[in-house]
Amino acid sequence: MRYKRAKHTAWRTISGQAFIVNTKTSTLHELNDVGTAIWECLRRPVTLDDISRHLVDVFETTLPEARKDTDDFLRQLTKTGLIDHVS
């Protein structure tokens, strides 16, 4: 499964931190540095493994830990309507 940013989002990165607005619900979401790295990966359709490998390259983490944390975060982004699944 691939994931991408939902079309009804507006975002900006300020000082390395992403701020995302869901324009359907008018809610603002502030991401930490790991969340921002994941959000930047989502500019094109990507898989959980693509993102996890990127996090291993950028942060001091293991692939299993990155995969679990990414999966949890993608579930949150899906629940809040910030990303879509792409087949």
N, C-alpha and C. Protein backbone atom coordinates (compact mmCIF):
# COMPACT_ATOMS: atom_id res chain seq x y z
N MET A 1 0.83 -1.17 0.00
CA MET A 1 0.00 0.00 0.00
C MET A 1 0.89 1.24 0.00
N ARG A 2 0.46 2.22 -0.73
CA ARG A 2 1.17 3.50 -0.79
C ARG A 2 0.32 4.58 -0.13
N TYR A 3 1.01 5.59 0.36
CA TYR A 3 0.36 6.70 1.03
C TYR A 3 0.80 8.01 0.38
N LYS A 4 -0.08 9.01 0.43
CA LYS A 4 0.27 10.35 -0.06
C LYS A 4 -0.53 11.37 0.72
N ARG A 5 -0.09 12.61 0.64
CA ARG A 5 -0.80 13.70 1.30
C ARG A 5 -2.19 13.86 0.70
N ALA A 6 -3.16 14.15 1.56
CA ALA A 6 -4.52 14.41 1.08
C ALA A 6 -4.53 15.76 0.35
N LYS A 7 -5.39 15.87 -0.63
CA LYS A 7 -5.46 17.10 -1.42
C LYS A 7 -5.99 18.28 -0.62
N HIS A 8 -6.76 18.01 0.41
CA HIS A 8 -7.36 19.09 1.20
C HIS A 8 -6.47 19.48 2.38
N THR A 9 -5.16 19.49 2.16
CA THR A 9 -4.24 19.94 3.20
C THR A 9 -3.42 21.11 2.69
N ALA A 10 -3.10 21.99 3.60
CA ALA A 10 -2.17 23.08 3.33
C ALA A 10 -1.10 22.97 4.40
N TRP A 11 0.15 23.21 4.02
CA TRP A 11 1.21 23.03 5.01
C TRP A 11 2.38 23.93 4.73
N ARG A 12 3.17 24.10 5.74
CA ARG A 12 4.39 24.89 5.64
C ARG A 12 5.37 24.34 6.67
N THR A 13 6.65 24.34 6.31
CA THR A 13 7.69 23.95 7.25
C THR A 13 8.40 25.22 7.71
N ILE A 14 8.45 25.40 9.03
CA ILE A 14 9.10 26.57 9.63
C ILE A 14 10.12 26.06 10.63
N SER A 15 11.37 26.44 10.43
CA SER A 15 12.47 26.01 11.31
C SER A 15 12.49 24.49 11.49
N GLY A 16 12.26 23.77 10.39
CA GLY A 16 12.35 22.32 10.42
C GLY A 16 11.15 21.61 11.01
N GLN A 17 10.06 22.34 11.24
CA GLN A 17 8.87 21.76 11.84
C GLN A 17 7.68 22.02 10.92
N ALA A 18 6.94 20.95 10.58
CA ALA A 18 5.80 21.09 9.68
C ALA A 18 4.55 21.47 10.44
N PHE A 19 3.79 22.38 9.84
CA PHE A 19 2.48 22.79 10.33
C PHE A 19 1.49 22.48 9.21
N ILE A 20 0.49 21.67 9.50
CA ILE A 20 -0.44 21.20 8.48
C ILE A 20 -1.85 21.60 8.87
N VAL A 21 -2.60 22.10 7.90
CA VAL A 21 -4.01 22.43 8.11
C VAL A 21 -4.84 21.48 7.26
N ASN A 22 -5.78 20.82 7.90
CA ASN A 22 -6.79 20.05 7.19
C ASN A 22 -7.87 21.07 6.82
N THR A 23 -7.97 21.40 5.54
CA THR A 23 -8.88 22.46 5.12
C THR A 23 -10.35 22.04 5.20
N LYS A 24 -10.63 20.75 5.30
CA LYS A 24 -12.01 20.29 5.48
C LYS A 24 -12.50 20.55 6.90
N THR A 25 -11.60 20.38 7.87
CA THR A 25 -11.99 20.51 9.27
C THR A 25 -11.44 21.77 9.93
N SER A 26 -10.60 22.50 9.22
CA SER A 26 -9.94 23.71 9.75
C SER A 26 -9.14 23.43 11.01
N THR A 27 -8.51 22.25 11.05
CA THR A 27 -7.68 21.92 12.21
C THR A 27 -6.21 22.02 11.84
N LEU A 28 -5.44 22.51 12.79
CA LEU A 28 -4.00 22.68 12.61
C LEU A 28 -3.28 21.55 13.33
N HIS A 29 -2.29 20.97 12.67
CA HIS A 29 -1.47 19.90 13.25
C HIS A 29 -0.02 20.34 13.18
N GLU A 30 0.66 20.21 14.30
CA GLU A 30 2.08 20.58 14.40
C GLU A 30 2.88 19.29 14.56
N LEU A 31 3.88 19.09 13.71
CA LEU A 31 4.66 17.85 13.74
C LEU A 31 6.05 18.09 14.33
N ASN A 32 6.57 17.07 15.00
CA ASN A 32 7.95 17.13 15.49
C ASN A 32 8.89 16.82 14.34
N ASP A 33 10.18 16.69 14.62
CA ASP A 33 11.15 16.49 13.54
C ASP A 33 10.96 15.17 12.80
N VAL A 34 10.61 14.10 13.51
CA VAL A 34 10.37 12.81 12.85
C VAL A 34 9.09 12.88 12.02
N GLY A 35 8.05 13.44 12.59
CA GLY A 35 6.80 13.60 11.84
C GLY A 35 6.99 14.45 10.60
N THR A 36 7.80 15.49 10.71
CA THR A 36 8.09 16.34 9.56
C THR A 36 8.85 15.56 8.48
N ALA A 37 9.79 14.73 8.87
CA ALA A 37 10.52 13.90 7.90
C ALA A 37 9.57 12.95 7.19
N ILE A 38 8.64 12.38 7.92
CA ILE A 38 7.65 11.49 7.30
C ILE A 38 6.76 12.29 6.36
N TRP A 39 6.29 13.45 6.80
CA TRP A 39 5.43 14.29 5.96
C TRP A 39 6.12 14.66 4.66
N GLU A 40 7.40 14.98 4.72
CA GLU A 40 8.14 15.33 3.51
C GLU A 40 8.23 14.15 2.55
N CYS A 41 8.32 12.93 3.08
CA CYS A 41 8.33 11.74 2.23
C CYS A 41 7.02 11.58 1.47
N LEU A 42 5.93 12.08 2.05
CA LEU A 42 4.59 11.88 1.49
C LEU A 42 4.26 12.82 0.35
N ARG A 43 5.23 13.57 -0.15
CA ARG A 43 4.96 14.48 -1.27
C ARG A 43 4.65 13.70 -2.55
N ARG A 44 5.03 12.44 -2.55
CA ARG A 44 4.68 11.54 -3.66
C ARG A 44 4.21 10.24 -3.02
N PRO A 45 3.48 9.39 -3.73
CA PRO A 45 3.05 8.13 -3.13
C PRO A 45 4.24 7.26 -2.72
N VAL A 46 4.26 6.85 -1.46
CA VAL A 46 5.35 6.04 -0.91
C VAL A 46 4.78 4.93 -0.03
N THR A 47 5.60 3.91 0.18
CA THR A 47 5.19 2.80 1.03
C THR A 47 5.72 3.00 2.45
N LEU A 48 5.20 2.22 3.35
CA LEU A 48 5.69 2.20 4.72
C LEU A 48 7.18 1.90 4.75
N ASP A 49 7.61 0.94 3.95
CA ASP A 49 9.04 0.58 3.92
C ASP A 49 9.91 1.69 3.37
N ASP A 50 9.42 2.41 2.35
CA ASP A 50 10.18 3.55 1.81
C ASP A 50 10.45 4.58 2.91
N ILE A 51 9.41 4.91 3.64
CA ILE A 51 9.55 5.91 4.70
C ILE A 51 10.45 5.39 5.81
N SER A 52 10.26 4.14 6.21
CA SER A 52 11.06 3.56 7.29
C SER A 52 12.54 3.56 6.96
N ARG A 53 12.89 3.20 5.74
CA ARG A 53 14.30 3.22 5.33
C ARG A 53 14.86 4.64 5.35
N HIS A 54 14.06 5.60 4.96
CA HIS A 54 14.50 7.01 5.00
C HIS A 54 14.79 7.42 6.44
N LEU A 55 13.93 7.04 7.37
CA LEU A 55 14.14 7.40 8.77
C LEU A 55 15.40 6.77 9.34
N VAL A 56 15.70 5.55 8.93
CA VAL A 56 16.94 4.89 9.38
C VAL A 56 18.15 5.68 8.88
N ASP A 57 18.06 6.20 7.65
CA ASP A 57 19.16 6.98 7.09
C ASP A 57 19.35 8.33 7.78
N VAL A 58 18.26 8.92 8.26
CA VAL A 58 18.30 10.27 8.80
C VAL A 58 18.45 10.30 10.33
N PHE A 59 17.83 9.36 11.02
CA PHE A 59 17.83 9.35 12.48
C PHE A 59 18.53 8.10 13.00
N GLU A 60 18.94 8.14 14.24
CA GLU A 60 19.57 6.97 14.86
C GLU A 60 18.48 6.03 15.34
N THR A 61 18.10 5.10 14.48
CA THR A 61 17.05 4.14 14.79
C THR A 61 17.28 2.87 13.99
N THR A 62 16.58 1.83 14.36
CA THR A 62 16.66 0.56 13.64
C THR A 62 15.47 0.47 12.68
N LEU A 63 15.59 -0.39 11.70
CA LEU A 63 14.50 -0.55 10.74
C LEU A 63 13.22 -1.06 11.41
N PRO A 64 13.28 -2.06 12.29
CA PRO A 64 12.03 -2.49 12.95
C PRO A 64 11.37 -1.38 13.77
N GLU A 65 12.18 -0.60 14.48
CA GLU A 65 11.63 0.50 15.27
C GLU A 65 11.04 1.57 14.37
N ALA A 66 11.76 1.92 13.30
CA ALA A 66 11.26 2.92 12.36
C ALA A 66 9.97 2.46 11.71
N ARG A 67 9.89 1.18 11.35
CA ARG A 67 8.69 0.64 10.71
C ARG A 67 7.48 0.71 11.66
N LYS A 68 7.68 0.34 12.92
CA LYS A 68 6.58 0.37 13.89
C LYS A 68 6.12 1.81 14.12
N ASP A 69 7.06 2.71 14.37
CA ASP A 69 6.71 4.11 14.63
C ASP A 69 6.04 4.75 13.41
N THR A 70 6.54 4.44 12.22
CA THR A 70 5.96 4.98 10.99
C THR A 70 4.55 4.46 10.79
N ASP A 71 4.35 3.17 11.02
CA ASP A 71 3.02 2.58 10.88
C ASP A 71 2.04 3.26 11.83
N ASP A 72 2.44 3.45 13.08
CA ASP A 72 1.58 4.13 14.06
C ASP A 72 1.25 5.54 13.60
N PHE A 73 2.25 6.26 13.12
CA PHE A 73 2.05 7.65 12.70
C PHE A 73 1.17 7.73 11.46
N LEU A 74 1.36 6.82 10.50
CA LEU A 74 0.53 6.82 9.30
C LEU A 74 -0.93 6.54 9.66
N ARG A 75 -1.15 5.70 10.66
CA ARG A 75 -2.52 5.45 11.13
C ARG A 75 -3.14 6.73 11.70
N GLN A 76 -2.35 7.49 12.45
CA GLN A 76 -2.84 8.75 13.00
C GLN A 76 -3.15 9.75 11.89
N LEU A 77 -2.25 9.84 10.91
CA LEU A 77 -2.48 10.77 9.79
C LEU A 77 -3.71 10.38 8.99
N THR A 78 -3.94 9.08 8.84
CA THR A 78 -5.13 8.61 8.14
C THR A 78 -6.38 8.96 8.93
N LYS A 79 -6.34 8.72 10.23
CA LYS A 79 -7.49 9.00 11.10
C LYS A 79 -7.85 10.48 11.09
N THR A 80 -6.86 11.36 11.02
CA THR A 80 -7.12 12.80 11.02
C THR A 80 -7.41 13.33 9.61
N GLY A 81 -7.35 12.45 8.61
CA GLY A 81 -7.68 12.86 7.24
C GLY A 81 -6.59 13.60 6.51
N LEU A 82 -5.35 13.49 6.99
CA LEU A 82 -4.25 14.22 6.35
C LEU A 82 -3.58 13.47 5.22
N ILE A 83 -3.77 12.14 5.18
CA ILE A 83 -3.19 11.36 4.08
C ILE A 83 -4.25 10.44 3.50
N ASP A 84 -3.98 9.99 2.28
CA ASP A 84 -4.84 9.05 1.57
C ASP A 84 -4.04 7.81 1.23
N HIS A 85 -4.75 6.70 1.08
CA HIS A 85 -4.13 5.47 0.59
C HIS A 85 -4.22 5.47 -0.92
N VAL A 86 -3.18 5.02 -1.57
CA VAL A 86 -3.12 4.96 -3.03
C VAL A 86 -2.86 3.51 -3.41
N SER A 87 -3.60 3.00 -4.37
CA SER A 87 -3.36 1.61 -4.79
C SER A 87 -2.38 1.52 -5.92
